[in-house]
Amino acid sequence: MTARRYCVVAATLATVLAAAFFLSSESATAAEELSKRLRDVPHKIVYESWQKDNWELLTVNANGSEPVNLTRTSDQHELYPHVSPDGTKICFVSDEGEGASMIRNVYCMNIDGSDRTLVAKNARQPCWKADGTAIAYLKGESDEFTYTDYATKGIVVYDLATGQHKEHPNKEIHHLYNLCWSADGKWFVATVHAGMGFRHGVLAIPVDGMEVYDLAIPGCRPDISPDGTKLAWGPSDWALRIGDLDFSGPAPKVTNARDVVTSDKPMKIYHIDWSPCGKYVTYSRGPAAKRMGRIPEIVGVRAVDWDIYVADAAGTNQFLRLTTDGNCNKEPDWLPAGSEER
């Protein structure tokens, strides 16, 4: 190599390393700034985690401190936690049994793990009504257990006061997943895959109506903001997006879509969820490697080296890693301030 060429290569390498150091320093500074802000955020986060060969539900402070195991079971796999609007209860799914007898059921319990109550057998992906009086869930498509997230048929609403189950009037609903309920209680929003004439998309469905509306946005796993004005979702494996959600017109729509956080391949980002104050979002991030042929973001599939993060919902791409053990940490949801003292 000539002296001149060596100098050019060395200079180029120095420039690249300097840029990488600058970006790393810039990211570290942004994370530290966000961490300082989150120390004053009173909300906690609950998530699923693979602990001692078993799925458990854990809580952690918004800045990643003080993790607590809520379930501590050895024969049940608790997954997909969703906190009631008042922060007093959690609904979730539990994978129980082995082999051909394995089944996924929906449960509800107090925020401290007590008073565990079966809501429905062979059911999936529950969510709360905004007033906390009911839980909606998806029925399993067949009696045979599967990890396939869209293996569902029908929406059912469970009334906590009466214990009654009410099926949605549209009996053609199938292949939904990641169901969520609007703040006014009038709409469901969910992902559909290969169902009702849709290949893949995000749908809005009236709680008491027969209509099905395509929100015409790419991606999956939507989450409605606590005030009902915004929708968060994943438009791809490497971005999380928010948009304005409008139910006022003849058909629901999402406008002004913008990315709130992005990730570089092969690190996927999924499971976005709004904080009660609407200023932050939490999500999970990890490598794209499959396990036994299944993608890691699916409920119940182990996702090695996945962790929980928090980002500024303003779209500044500021984020903070909350967990660092990589124990398949996924499906985060926020607990309102003071939940554990109630």
C-alpha atoms as a PDB file:
ATOM      1  CA  MET A   1       0.000   0.000   0.000  1.00  0.00           C
ATOM      2  CA  THR A   2       1.396   3.413  -0.934  1.00  0.00           C
ATOM      3  CA  ALA A   3       1.911   6.002   1.770  1.00  0.00           C
ATOM      4  CA  ARG A   4      -0.719   8.245   0.208  1.00  0.00           C
ATOM      5  CA  ARG A   5      -3.334   5.467   0.020  1.00  0.00           C
ATOM      6  CA  TYR A   6      -2.523   4.446   3.599  1.00  0.00           C
ATOM      7  CA  CYS A   7      -3.129   8.013   4.765  1.00  0.00           C
ATOM      8  CA  VAL A   8      -6.481   8.184   2.926  1.00  0.00           C
ATOM      9  CA  VAL A   9      -7.637   4.878   4.425  1.00  0.00           C
ATOM     10  CA  ALA A  10      -6.469   5.895   7.892  1.00  0.00           C
ATOM     11  CA  ALA A  11      -8.206   9.246   7.612  1.00  0.00           C
ATOM     12  CA  THR A  12     -11.450   7.589   6.451  1.00  0.00           C
ATOM     13  CA  LEU A  13     -11.327   5.090   9.299  1.00  0.00           C
ATOM     14  CA  ALA A  14     -10.694   7.861  11.783  1.00  0.00           C
ATOM     15  CA  THR A  15     -13.691   9.772  10.435  1.00  0.00           C
ATOM     16  CA  VAL A  16     -15.957   6.718  10.732  1.00  0.00           C
ATOM     17  CA  LEU A  17     -14.780   5.997  14.277  1.00  0.00           C
ATOM     18  CA  ALA A  18     -15.233   9.623  15.262  1.00  0.00           C
ATOM     19  CA  ALA A  19     -18.766   9.636  13.863  1.00  0.00           C
ATOM     20  CA  ALA A  20     -19.591   6.384  15.655  1.00  0.00           C
ATOM     21  CA  PHE A  21     -18.229   7.800  18.911  1.00  0.00           C
ATOM     22  CA  PHE A  22     -20.268  10.975  18.409  1.00  0.00           C
ATOM     23  CA  LEU A  23     -23.460   9.026  17.755  1.00  0.00           C
ATOM     24  CA  SER A  24     -22.777   6.736  20.696  1.00  0.00           C
ATOM     25  CA  SER A  25     -22.124   9.703  22.964  1.00  0.00           C
ATOM     26  CA  GLU A  26     -25.181  11.497  21.628  1.00  0.00           C
ATOM     27  CA  SER A  27     -27.374   8.420  22.271  1.00  0.00           C
ATOM     28  CA  ALA A  28     -25.923   7.980  25.744  1.00  0.00           C
ATOM     29  CA  THR A  29     -26.615  11.625  26.564  1.00  0.00           C
ATOM     30  CA  ALA A  30     -30.193  11.364  25.297  1.00  0.00           C
ATOM     31  CA  ALA A  31     -30.744   8.191  27.330  1.00  0.00           C
ATOM     32  CA  GLU A  32     -29.367   9.840  30.451  1.00  0.00           C
ATOM     33  CA  GLU A  33     -31.635  12.858  29.950  1.00  0.00           C
ATOM     34  CA  LEU A  34     -34.647  10.582  29.521  1.00  0.00           C
ATOM     35  CA  SER A  35     -33.613   8.539  32.570  1.00  0.00           C
ATOM     36  CA  LYS A  36     -33.572  11.694  34.690  1.00  0.00           C
ATOM     37  CA  ARG A  37     -37.064  12.600  33.511  1.00  0.00           C
ATOM     38  CA  LEU A  38     -38.360   9.093  34.168  1.00  0.00           C
ATOM     39  CA  ARG A  39     -37.124   9.143  37.768  1.00  0.00           C
ATOM     40  CA  ASP A  40     -39.936  11.590  38.454  1.00  0.00           C
ATOM     41  CA  VAL A  41     -42.550   9.552  36.569  1.00  0.00           C
ATOM     42  CA  PRO A  42     -44.711   7.781  39.197  1.00  0.00           C
ATOM     43  CA  HIS A  43     -45.956   5.008  36.888  1.00  0.00           C
ATOM     44  CA  LYS A  44     -44.623   1.448  36.835  1.00  0.00           C
ATOM     45  CA  ILE A  45     -44.474  -1.058  33.975  1.00  0.00           C
ATOM     46  CA  VAL A  46     -45.608  -4.692  34.011  1.00  0.00           C
ATOM     47  CA  TYR A  47     -44.256  -7.179  31.467  1.00  0.00           C
ATOM     48  CA  GLU A  48     -43.783 -10.885  30.769  1.00  0.00           C
ATOM     49  CA  SER A  49     -40.386 -12.468  31.393  1.00  0.00           C
ATOM     50  CA  TRP A  50     -38.809 -15.944  31.218  1.00  0.00           C
ATOM     51  CA  GLN A  51     -37.702 -16.664  34.792  1.00  0.00           C
ATOM     52  CA  LYS A  52     -36.224 -20.040  35.833  1.00  0.00           C
ATOM     53  CA  ASP A  53     -37.761 -21.907  32.883  1.00  0.00           C
ATOM     54  CA  ASN A  54     -41.177 -20.342  33.364  1.00  0.00           C
ATOM     55  CA  TRP A  55     -43.075 -17.284  32.105  1.00  0.00           C
ATOM     56  CA  GLU A  56     -43.825 -14.793  34.891  1.00  0.00           C
ATOM     57  CA  LEU A  57     -45.250 -11.268  35.167  1.00  0.00           C
ATOM     58  CA  LEU A  58     -42.877  -8.650  36.593  1.00  0.00           C
ATOM     59  CA  THR A  59     -43.180  -4.976  37.444  1.00  0.00           C
ATOM     60  CA  VAL A  60     -40.456  -2.350  37.277  1.00  0.00           C
ATOM     61  CA  ASN A  61     -40.241   1.412  37.851  1.00  0.00           C
ATOM     62  CA  ALA A  62     -40.364   3.660  34.800  1.00  0.00           C
ATOM     63  CA  ASN A  63     -36.577   4.116  34.961  1.00  0.00           C
ATOM     64  CA  GLY A  64     -35.904   0.363  35.233  1.00  0.00           C
ATOM     65  CA  SER A  65     -35.357   0.089  38.975  1.00  0.00           C
ATOM     66  CA  GLU A  66     -36.867  -2.281  41.574  1.00  0.00           C
ATOM     67  CA  PRO A  67     -38.143  -5.281  39.551  1.00  0.00           C
ATOM     68  CA  VAL A  68     -40.787  -7.397  41.343  1.00  0.00           C
ATOM     69  CA  ASN A  69     -42.146 -10.833  40.351  1.00  0.00           C
ATOM     70  CA  LEU A  70     -45.959 -10.801  40.718  1.00  0.00           C
ATOM     71  CA  THR A  71     -46.784 -14.415  39.893  1.00  0.00           C
ATOM     72  CA  ARG A  72     -44.032 -16.850  40.986  1.00  0.00           C
ATOM     73  CA  THR A  73     -45.680 -19.964  39.549  1.00  0.00           C
ATOM     74  CA  SER A  74     -43.892 -23.100  38.395  1.00  0.00           C
ATOM     75  CA  ASP A  75     -46.719 -24.872  36.536  1.00  0.00           C
ATOM     76  CA  GLN A  76     -48.367 -21.962  34.714  1.00  0.00           C
ATOM     77  CA  HIS A  77     -47.002 -19.540  32.138  1.00  0.00           C
ATOM     78  CA  GLU A  78     -48.397 -16.031  32.670  1.00  0.00           C
ATOM     79  CA  LEU A  79     -48.228 -13.784  29.599  1.00  0.00           C
ATOM     80  CA  TYR A  80     -49.684 -10.692  27.925  1.00  0.00           C
ATOM     81  CA  PRO A  81     -50.471  -8.486  30.975  1.00  0.00           C
ATOM     82  CA  HIS A  82     -52.910  -5.593  30.654  1.00  0.00           C
ATOM     83  CA  VAL A  83     -53.634  -3.257  33.571  1.00  0.00           C
ATOM     84  CA  SER A  84     -57.117  -1.958  34.417  1.00  0.00           C
ATOM     85  CA  PRO A  85     -57.586   1.807  33.913  1.00  0.00           C
ATOM     86  CA  ASP A  86     -57.685   2.433  37.674  1.00  0.00           C
ATOM     87  CA  GLY A  87     -54.562   0.335  38.201  1.00  0.00           C
ATOM     88  CA  THR A  88     -56.103  -2.106  40.667  1.00  0.00           C
ATOM     89  CA  LYS A  89     -56.178  -5.262  38.493  1.00  0.00           C
ATOM     90  CA  ILE A  90     -54.332  -7.048  35.708  1.00  0.00           C
ATOM     91  CA  CYS A  91     -55.845  -9.291  33.049  1.00  0.00           C
ATOM     92  CA  PHE A  92     -53.535 -11.728  31.286  1.00  0.00           C
ATOM     93  CA  VAL A  93     -53.317 -15.125  29.620  1.00  0.00           C
ATOM     94  CA  SER A  94     -51.907 -18.282  31.128  1.00  0.00           C
ATOM     95  CA  ASP A  95     -50.611 -21.279  29.190  1.00  0.00           C
ATOM     96  CA  GLU A  96     -51.408 -24.382  31.226  1.00  0.00           C
ATOM     97  CA  GLY A  97     -50.881 -28.117  30.837  1.00  0.00           C
ATOM     98  CA  GLU A  98     -48.465 -29.967  28.594  1.00  0.00           C
ATOM     99  CA  GLY A  99     -48.487 -31.537  25.141  1.00  0.00           C
ATOM    100  CA  ALA A 100     -51.913 -32.254  23.697  1.00  0.00           C
ATOM    101  CA  SER A 101     -53.626 -31.032  26.883  1.00  0.00           C
ATOM    102  CA  MET A 102     -52.050 -27.572  26.775  1.00  0.00           C
ATOM    103  CA  ILE A 103     -54.535 -24.687  26.821  1.00  0.00           C
ATOM    104  CA  ARG A 104     -54.384 -20.883  26.900  1.00  0.00           C
ATOM    105  CA  ASN A 105     -56.839 -19.203  29.309  1.00  0.00           C
ATOM    106  CA  VAL A 106     -57.648 -15.628  30.320  1.00  0.00           C
ATOM    107  CA  TYR A 107     -57.365 -14.592  33.975  1.00  0.00           C
ATOM    108  CA  CYS A 108     -57.746 -11.500  36.112  1.00  0.00           C
ATOM    109  CA  MET A 109     -56.019 -10.723  39.423  1.00  0.00           C
ATOM    110  CA  ASN A 110     -55.300  -7.860  41.791  1.00  0.00           C
ATOM    111  CA  ILE A 111     -52.264  -5.726  41.106  1.00  0.00           C
ATOM    112  CA  ASP A 112     -50.301  -7.530  43.825  1.00  0.00           C
ATOM    113  CA  GLY A 113     -51.049 -10.974  42.338  1.00  0.00           C
ATOM    114  CA  SER A 114     -53.809 -11.909  44.775  1.00  0.00           C
ATOM    115  CA  ASP A 115     -57.398 -13.027  44.039  1.00  0.00           C
ATOM    116  CA  ARG A 116     -56.546 -14.764  40.772  1.00  0.00           C
ATOM    117  CA  THR A 117     -59.805 -15.435  38.877  1.00  0.00           C
ATOM    118  CA  LEU A 118     -60.437 -17.452  35.715  1.00  0.00           C
ATOM    119  CA  VAL A 119     -62.234 -15.320  33.115  1.00  0.00           C
ATOM    120  CA  ALA A 120     -62.437 -17.722  30.162  1.00  0.00           C
ATOM    121  CA  LYS A 121     -60.926 -20.976  28.930  1.00  0.00           C
ATOM    122  CA  ASN A 122     -59.373 -21.296  25.467  1.00  0.00           C
ATOM    123  CA  ALA A 123     -59.226 -17.505  25.176  1.00  0.00           C
ATOM    124  CA  ARG A 124     -56.623 -14.967  24.109  1.00  0.00           C
ATOM    125  CA  GLN A 125     -55.335 -11.389  24.263  1.00  0.00           C
ATOM    126  CA  PRO A 126     -57.735  -9.600  26.650  1.00  0.00           C
ATOM    127  CA  CYS A 127     -58.144  -5.848  27.042  1.00  0.00           C
ATOM    128  CA  TRP A 128     -60.022  -3.524  29.413  1.00  0.00           C
ATOM    129  CA  LYS A 129     -63.031  -1.303  28.919  1.00  0.00           C
ATOM    130  CA  ALA A 130     -62.052   2.267  29.818  1.00  0.00           C
ATOM    131  CA  ASP A 131     -64.303   2.359  32.892  1.00  0.00           C
ATOM    132  CA  GLY A 132     -62.800  -0.892  34.204  1.00  0.00           C
ATOM    133  CA  THR A 133     -66.120  -2.737  34.390  1.00  0.00           C
ATOM    134  CA  ALA A 134     -65.464  -5.283  31.628  1.00  0.00           C
ATOM    135  CA  ILE A 135     -62.782  -7.295  29.854  1.00  0.00           C
ATOM    136  CA  ALA A 136     -62.946  -8.135  26.153  1.00  0.00           C
ATOM    137  CA  TYR A 137     -61.124 -11.211  24.875  1.00  0.00           C
ATOM    138  CA  LEU A 138     -60.745 -13.300  21.714  1.00  0.00           C
ATOM    139  CA  LYS A 139     -61.971 -16.891  21.586  1.00  0.00           C
ATOM    140  CA  GLY A 140     -59.593 -19.607  20.438  1.00  0.00           C
ATOM    141  CA  GLU A 141     -60.294 -20.739  16.887  1.00  0.00           C
ATOM    142  CA  SER A 142     -60.059 -24.434  17.777  1.00  0.00           C
ATOM    143  CA  ASP A 143     -59.601 -26.644  20.814  1.00  0.00           C
ATOM    144  CA  GLU A 144     -56.064 -27.520  19.746  1.00  0.00           C
ATOM    145  CA  PHE A 145     -53.387 -25.311  21.287  1.00  0.00           C
ATOM    146  CA  THR A 146     -51.306 -23.152  18.972  1.00  0.00           C
ATOM    147  CA  TYR A 147     -48.896 -20.253  19.322  1.00  0.00           C
ATOM    148  CA  THR A 148     -50.298 -18.682  16.149  1.00  0.00           C
ATOM    149  CA  ASP A 149     -51.406 -15.223  17.271  1.00  0.00           C
ATOM    150  CA  TYR A 150     -54.339 -14.874  14.875  1.00  0.00           C
ATOM    151  CA  ALA A 151     -55.885 -18.306  15.610  1.00  0.00           C
ATOM    152  CA  THR A 152     -59.021 -16.637  17.005  1.00  0.00           C
ATOM    153  CA  LYS A 153     -62.720 -16.530  16.236  1.00  0.00           C
ATOM    154  CA  GLY A 154     -65.068 -13.970  17.762  1.00  0.00           C
ATOM    155  CA  ILE A 155     -64.928 -11.215  20.383  1.00  0.00           C
ATOM    156  CA  VAL A 156     -66.475 -11.765  23.814  1.00  0.00           C
ATOM    157  CA  VAL A 157     -67.078  -9.206  26.580  1.00  0.00           C
ATOM    158  CA  TYR A 158     -66.899 -10.349  30.213  1.00  0.00           C
ATOM    159  CA  ASP A 159     -68.753  -8.232  32.793  1.00  0.00           C
ATOM    160  CA  LEU A 160     -66.819  -8.228  36.080  1.00  0.00           C
ATOM    161  CA  ALA A 161     -69.846  -7.418  38.223  1.00  0.00           C
ATOM    162  CA  THR A 162     -72.203 -10.096  36.871  1.00  0.00           C
ATOM    163  CA  GLY A 163     -69.729 -12.653  35.524  1.00  0.00           C
ATOM    164  CA  GLN A 164     -71.693 -12.765  32.273  1.00  0.00           C
ATOM    165  CA  HIS A 165     -70.099 -13.286  28.835  1.00  0.00           C
ATOM    166  CA  LYS A 166     -71.579 -11.479  25.832  1.00  0.00           C
ATOM    167  CA  GLU A 167     -70.550 -12.370  22.283  1.00  0.00           C
ATOM    168  CA  HIS A 168     -70.069  -9.652  19.680  1.00  0.00           C
ATOM    169  CA  PRO A 169     -73.041  -9.409  17.269  1.00  0.00           C
ATOM    170  CA  ASN A 170     -70.814  -9.917  14.211  1.00  0.00           C
ATOM    171  CA  LYS A 171     -70.337 -13.686  14.160  1.00  0.00           C
ATOM    172  CA  GLU A 172     -68.037 -13.511  11.131  1.00  0.00           C
ATOM    173  CA  ILE A 173     -65.204 -11.921  13.071  1.00  0.00           C
ATOM    174  CA  HIS A 174     -62.107 -14.110  12.984  1.00  0.00           C
ATOM    175  CA  HIS A 175     -58.299 -14.068  12.805  1.00  0.00           C
ATOM    176  CA  LEU A 176     -57.948 -10.961  14.982  1.00  0.00           C
ATOM    177  CA  TYR A 177     -55.147 -10.354  17.461  1.00  0.00           C
ATOM    178  CA  ASN A 178     -53.970  -7.591  19.773  1.00  0.00           C
ATOM    179  CA  LEU A 179     -57.447  -6.306  20.580  1.00  0.00           C
ATOM    180  CA  CYS A 180     -57.804  -2.873  22.227  1.00  0.00           C
ATOM    181  CA  TRP A 181     -60.823  -0.828  23.336  1.00  0.00           C
ATOM    182  CA  SER A 182     -61.446   2.871  22.629  1.00  0.00           C
ATOM    183  CA  ALA A 183     -61.642   5.413  25.455  1.00  0.00           C
ATOM    184  CA  ASP A 184     -65.347   6.078  24.830  1.00  0.00           C
ATOM    185  CA  GLY A 185     -66.136   2.351  24.935  1.00  0.00           C
ATOM    186  CA  LYS A 186     -67.695   2.334  21.462  1.00  0.00           C
ATOM    187  CA  TRP A 187     -64.942   0.799  19.311  1.00  0.00           C
ATOM    188  CA  PHE A 188     -62.533  -2.100  19.139  1.00  0.00           C
ATOM    189  CA  VAL A 189     -59.278  -1.810  17.195  1.00  0.00           C
ATOM    190  CA  ALA A 190     -57.253  -4.916  16.340  1.00  0.00           C
ATOM    191  CA  THR A 191     -54.921  -6.524  13.830  1.00  0.00           C
ATOM    192  CA  VAL A 192     -56.397  -8.954  11.319  1.00  0.00           C
ATOM    193  CA  HIS A 193     -54.498 -11.603   9.394  1.00  0.00           C
ATOM    194  CA  ALA A 194     -56.062 -13.696   6.648  1.00  0.00           C
ATOM    195  CA  GLY A 195     -59.577 -13.096   7.893  1.00  0.00           C
ATOM    196  CA  MET A 196     -62.817 -11.405   6.766  1.00  0.00           C
ATOM    197  CA  GLY A 197     -61.383 -10.766   3.331  1.00  0.00           C
ATOM    198  CA  PHE A 198     -58.251  -9.019   4.626  1.00  0.00           C
ATOM    199  CA  ARG A 199     -54.742 -10.310   4.087  1.00  0.00           C
ATOM    200  CA  HIS A 200     -53.207  -8.203   6.855  1.00  0.00           C
ATOM    201  CA  GLY A 201     -54.158  -4.875   8.404  1.00  0.00           C
ATOM    202  CA  VAL A 202     -55.541  -2.891  11.334  1.00  0.00           C
ATOM    203  CA  LEU A 203     -59.330  -2.783  11.701  1.00  0.00           C
ATOM    204  CA  ALA A 204     -61.834  -0.703  13.656  1.00  0.00           C
ATOM    205  CA  ILE A 205     -65.015  -2.524  14.698  1.00  0.00           C
ATOM    206  CA  PRO A 206     -68.019  -0.996  16.525  1.00  0.00           C
ATOM    207  CA  VAL A 207     -68.559  -2.706  19.883  1.00  0.00           C
ATOM    208  CA  ASP A 208     -72.278  -3.099  19.159  1.00  0.00           C
ATOM    209  CA  GLY A 209     -72.291  -3.025  15.360  1.00  0.00           C
ATOM    210  CA  MET A 210     -71.746  -5.262  12.355  1.00  0.00           C
ATOM    211  CA  GLU A 211     -69.415  -2.988  10.403  1.00  0.00           C
ATOM    212  CA  VAL A 212     -65.704  -3.594   9.888  1.00  0.00           C
ATOM    213  CA  TYR A 213     -63.476  -0.672   8.843  1.00  0.00           C
ATOM    214  CA  ASP A 214     -59.983  -0.908   7.433  1.00  0.00           C
ATOM    215  CA  LEU A 215     -57.856   1.880   8.930  1.00  0.00           C
ATOM    216  CA  ALA A 216     -55.584   1.595   5.879  1.00  0.00           C
ATOM    217  CA  ILE A 217     -52.329   1.727   7.805  1.00  0.00           C
ATOM    218  CA  PRO A 218     -49.482  -0.774   7.382  1.00  0.00           C
ATOM    219  CA  GLY A 219     -48.439  -3.024  10.223  1.00  0.00           C
ATOM    220  CA  CYS A 220     -49.995  -4.488  13.370  1.00  0.00           C
ATOM    221  CA  ARG A 221     -50.425  -4.511  17.168  1.00  0.00           C
ATOM    222  CA  PRO A 222     -52.265  -1.217  17.746  1.00  0.00           C
ATOM    223  CA  ASP A 223     -52.673   0.558  21.081  1.00  0.00           C
ATOM    224  CA  ILE A 224     -55.084   3.446  21.694  1.00  0.00           C
ATOM    225  CA  SER A 225     -53.886   6.343  23.857  1.00  0.00           C
ATOM    226  CA  PRO A 226     -55.632   6.815  27.233  1.00  0.00           C
ATOM    227  CA  ASP A 227     -57.442   9.920  26.007  1.00  0.00           C
ATOM    228  CA  GLY A 228     -58.571   8.127  22.843  1.00  0.00           C
ATOM    229  CA  THR A 229     -57.121  10.673  20.423  1.00  0.00           C
ATOM    230  CA  LYS A 230     -54.082   8.757  19.141  1.00  0.00           C
ATOM    231  CA  LEU A 231     -53.123   5.306  17.927  1.00  0.00           C
ATOM    232  CA  ALA A 232     -49.713   3.675  18.280  1.00  0.00           C
ATOM    233  CA  TRP A 233     -48.674   0.618  16.253  1.00  0.00           C
ATOM    234  CA  GLY A 234     -45.809  -1.075  14.466  1.00  0.00           C
ATOM    235  CA  PRO A 235     -45.728  -0.322  10.724  1.00  0.00           C
ATOM    236  CA  SER A 236     -42.816  -2.738  10.296  1.00  0.00           C
ATOM    237  CA  ASP A 237     -40.408  -4.832  12.367  1.00  0.00           C
ATOM    238  CA  TRP A 238     -38.085  -1.849  12.781  1.00  0.00           C
ATOM    239  CA  ALA A 239     -40.334   1.128  13.552  1.00  0.00           C
ATOM    240  CA  LEU A 240     -43.062   2.197  15.956  1.00  0.00           C
ATOM    241  CA  ARG A 241     -45.504   4.843  14.796  1.00  0.00           C
ATOM    242  CA  ILE A 242     -48.215   7.083  16.221  1.00  0.00           C
ATOM    243  CA  GLY A 243     -51.053   8.895  14.476  1.00  0.00           C
ATOM    244  CA  ASP A 244     -54.176  10.884  15.232  1.00  0.00           C
ATOM    245  CA  LEU A 245     -57.228   8.641  15.664  1.00  0.00           C
ATOM    246  CA  ASP A 246     -60.568  10.051  14.498  1.00  0.00           C
ATOM    247  CA  PHE A 247     -63.902   8.308  15.031  1.00  0.00           C
ATOM    248  CA  SER A 248     -66.038  11.393  14.293  1.00  0.00           C
ATOM    249  CA  GLY A 249     -66.601  10.909  10.547  1.00  0.00           C
ATOM    250  CA  PRO A 250     -68.534   8.348   8.518  1.00  0.00           C
ATOM    251  CA  ALA A 251     -65.592   5.953   8.866  1.00  0.00           C
ATOM    252  CA  PRO A 252     -62.745   5.863  11.417  1.00  0.00           C
ATOM    253  CA  LYS A 253     -59.373   7.084  10.185  1.00  0.00           C
ATOM    254  CA  VAL A 254     -55.787   7.653  11.254  1.00  0.00           C
ATOM    255  CA  THR A 255     -53.988  10.803  10.109  1.00  0.00           C
ATOM    256  CA  ASN A 256     -50.693  12.603  10.690  1.00  0.00           C
ATOM    257  CA  ALA A 257     -48.742   9.370  11.141  1.00  0.00           C
ATOM    258  CA  ARG A 258     -45.132   9.721  12.321  1.00  0.00           C
ATOM    259  CA  ASP A 259     -42.476   7.408  13.699  1.00  0.00           C
ATOM    260  CA  VAL A 260     -41.834   7.690  17.416  1.00  0.00           C
ATOM    261  CA  VAL A 261     -38.823   5.352  17.497  1.00  0.00           C
ATOM    262  CA  THR A 262     -36.888   3.247  14.970  1.00  0.00           C
ATOM    263  CA  SER A 263     -34.399   0.397  15.171  1.00  0.00           C
ATOM    264  CA  ASP A 264     -31.637  -0.997  12.984  1.00  0.00           C
ATOM    265  CA  LYS A 265     -31.882  -4.519  11.553  1.00  0.00           C
ATOM    266  CA  PRO A 266     -31.826  -7.193  12.819  1.00  0.00           C
ATOM    267  CA  MET A 267     -33.132  -5.741  16.120  1.00  0.00           C
ATOM    268  CA  LYS A 268     -36.928  -5.815  16.014  1.00  0.00           C
ATOM    269  CA  ILE A 269     -39.164  -3.457  18.022  1.00  0.00           C
ATOM    270  CA  TYR A 270     -42.696  -4.447  19.023  1.00  0.00           C
ATOM    271  CA  HIS A 271     -45.528  -4.253  21.585  1.00  0.00           C
ATOM    272  CA  ILE A 272     -45.846  -0.483  21.951  1.00  0.00           C
ATOM    273  CA  ASP A 273     -48.005   0.801  24.824  1.00  0.00           C
ATOM    274  CA  TRP A 274     -48.948   4.318  25.944  1.00  0.00           C
ATOM    275  CA  SER A 275     -48.131   5.682  29.390  1.00  0.00           C
ATOM    276  CA  PRO A 276     -51.153   6.933  31.420  1.00  0.00           C
ATOM    277  CA  CYS A 277     -49.972  10.520  30.924  1.00  0.00           C
ATOM    278  CA  GLY A 278     -49.546  10.034  27.170  1.00  0.00           C
ATOM    279  CA  LYS A 279     -46.015  11.463  27.199  1.00  0.00           C
ATOM    280  CA  TYR A 280     -44.136   8.168  26.873  1.00  0.00           C
ATOM    281  CA  VAL A 281     -44.416   4.762  25.280  1.00  0.00           C
ATOM    282  CA  THR A 282     -42.930   1.464  26.353  1.00  0.00           C
ATOM    283  CA  TYR A 283     -42.016  -1.359  23.987  1.00  0.00           C
ATOM    284  CA  SER A 284     -39.865  -4.458  23.603  1.00  0.00           C
ATOM    285  CA  ARG A 285     -36.768  -4.855  21.436  1.00  0.00           C
ATOM    286  CA  GLY A 286     -34.557  -7.763  20.473  1.00  0.00           C
ATOM    287  CA  PRO A 287     -32.964  -9.831  17.716  1.00  0.00           C
ATOM    288  CA  ALA A 288     -35.048 -11.304  14.911  1.00  0.00           C
ATOM    289  CA  ALA A 289     -33.819 -14.888  15.396  1.00  0.00           C
ATOM    290  CA  LYS A 290     -36.615 -17.457  15.304  1.00  0.00           C
ATOM    291  CA  ARG A 291     -37.056 -20.207  17.873  1.00  0.00           C
ATOM    292  CA  MET A 292     -38.304 -23.559  16.598  1.00  0.00           C
ATOM    293  CA  GLY A 293     -39.452 -21.820  13.436  1.00  0.00           C
ATOM    294  CA  ARG A 294     -41.535 -19.173  15.251  1.00  0.00           C
ATOM    295  CA  ILE A 295     -40.949 -15.415  15.218  1.00  0.00           C
ATOM    296  CA  PRO A 296     -39.994 -14.009  18.647  1.00  0.00           C
ATOM    297  CA  GLU A 297     -42.685 -11.322  18.937  1.00  0.00           C
ATOM    298  CA  ILE A 298     -45.522 -13.883  19.206  1.00  0.00           C
ATOM    299  CA  VAL A 299     -47.089 -14.414  22.641  1.00  0.00           C
ATOM    300  CA  GLY A 300     -45.587 -17.436  24.388  1.00  0.00           C
ATOM    301  CA  VAL A 301     -42.579 -17.779  22.083  1.00  0.00           C
ATOM    302  CA  ARG A 302     -39.280 -17.327  23.873  1.00  0.00           C
ATOM    303  CA  ALA A 303     -37.356 -14.293  22.660  1.00  0.00           C
ATOM    304  CA  VAL A 304     -33.785 -14.493  23.907  1.00  0.00           C
ATOM    305  CA  ASP A 305     -32.042 -11.134  24.424  1.00  0.00           C
ATOM    306  CA  TRP A 306     -35.290  -9.156  24.217  1.00  0.00           C
ATOM    307  CA  ASP A 307     -35.661  -6.297  26.700  1.00  0.00           C
ATOM    308  CA  ILE A 308     -38.100  -3.549  27.687  1.00  0.00           C
ATOM    309  CA  TYR A 309     -37.569   0.084  26.657  1.00  0.00           C
ATOM    310  CA  VAL A 310     -39.253   3.450  27.189  1.00  0.00           C
ATOM    311  CA  ALA A 311     -39.289   6.235  24.598  1.00  0.00           C
ATOM    312  CA  ASP A 312     -40.430   9.820  24.434  1.00  0.00           C
ATOM    313  CA  ALA A 313     -43.792   9.830  22.615  1.00  0.00           C
ATOM    314  CA  ALA A 314     -42.930  13.182  21.035  1.00  0.00           C
ATOM    315  CA  GLY A 315     -40.982  11.324  18.362  1.00  0.00           C
ATOM    316  CA  THR A 316     -37.510  12.526  19.305  1.00  0.00           C
ATOM    317  CA  ASN A 317     -36.112   8.968  19.052  1.00  0.00           C
ATOM    318  CA  GLN A 318     -35.029   9.279  22.678  1.00  0.00           C
ATOM    319  CA  PHE A 319     -35.221   5.902  24.389  1.00  0.00           C
ATOM    320  CA  LEU A 320     -34.032   4.149  27.521  1.00  0.00           C
ATOM    321  CA  ARG A 321     -33.423   0.428  28.061  1.00  0.00           C
ATOM    322  CA  LEU A 322     -35.174  -0.627  31.278  1.00  0.00           C
ATOM    323  CA  THR A 323     -34.250  -4.326  31.546  1.00  0.00           C
ATOM    324  CA  THR A 324     -30.810  -5.684  30.770  1.00  0.00           C
ATOM    325  CA  ASP A 325     -31.003  -9.432  31.426  1.00  0.00           C
ATOM    326  CA  GLY A 326     -32.487 -10.314  28.014  1.00  0.00           C
ATOM    327  CA  ASN A 327     -34.847 -12.844  29.631  1.00  0.00           C
ATOM    328  CA  CYS A 328     -37.461 -12.766  26.848  1.00  0.00           C
ATOM    329  CA  ASN A 329     -38.891  -9.520  28.243  1.00  0.00           C
ATOM    330  CA  LYS A 330     -41.937  -8.569  26.160  1.00  0.00           C
ATOM    331  CA  GLU A 331     -45.502  -7.205  26.100  1.00  0.00           C
ATOM    332  CA  PRO A 332     -45.054  -4.237  28.495  1.00  0.00           C
ATOM    333  CA  ASP A 333     -48.024  -2.313  29.889  1.00  0.00           C
ATOM    334  CA  TRP A 334     -48.136   0.696  32.213  1.00  0.00           C
ATOM    335  CA  LEU A 335     -49.462   0.789  35.782  1.00  0.00           C
ATOM    336  CA  PRO A 336     -50.989   4.123  36.844  1.00  0.00           C
ATOM    337  CA  ALA A 337     -49.332   5.956  39.706  1.00  0.00           C
ATOM    338  CA  GLY A 338     -50.034   4.575  43.163  1.00  0.00           C
ATOM    339  CA  SER A 339     -51.501   1.286  41.900  1.00  0.00           C
ATOM    340  CA  GLU A 340     -49.607  -0.840  44.398  1.00  0.00           C
ATOM    341  CA  GLU A 341     -50.874   1.190  47.375  1.00  0.00           C
ATOM    342  CA  ARG A 342     -54.556   0.788  46.528  1.00  0.00           C
END
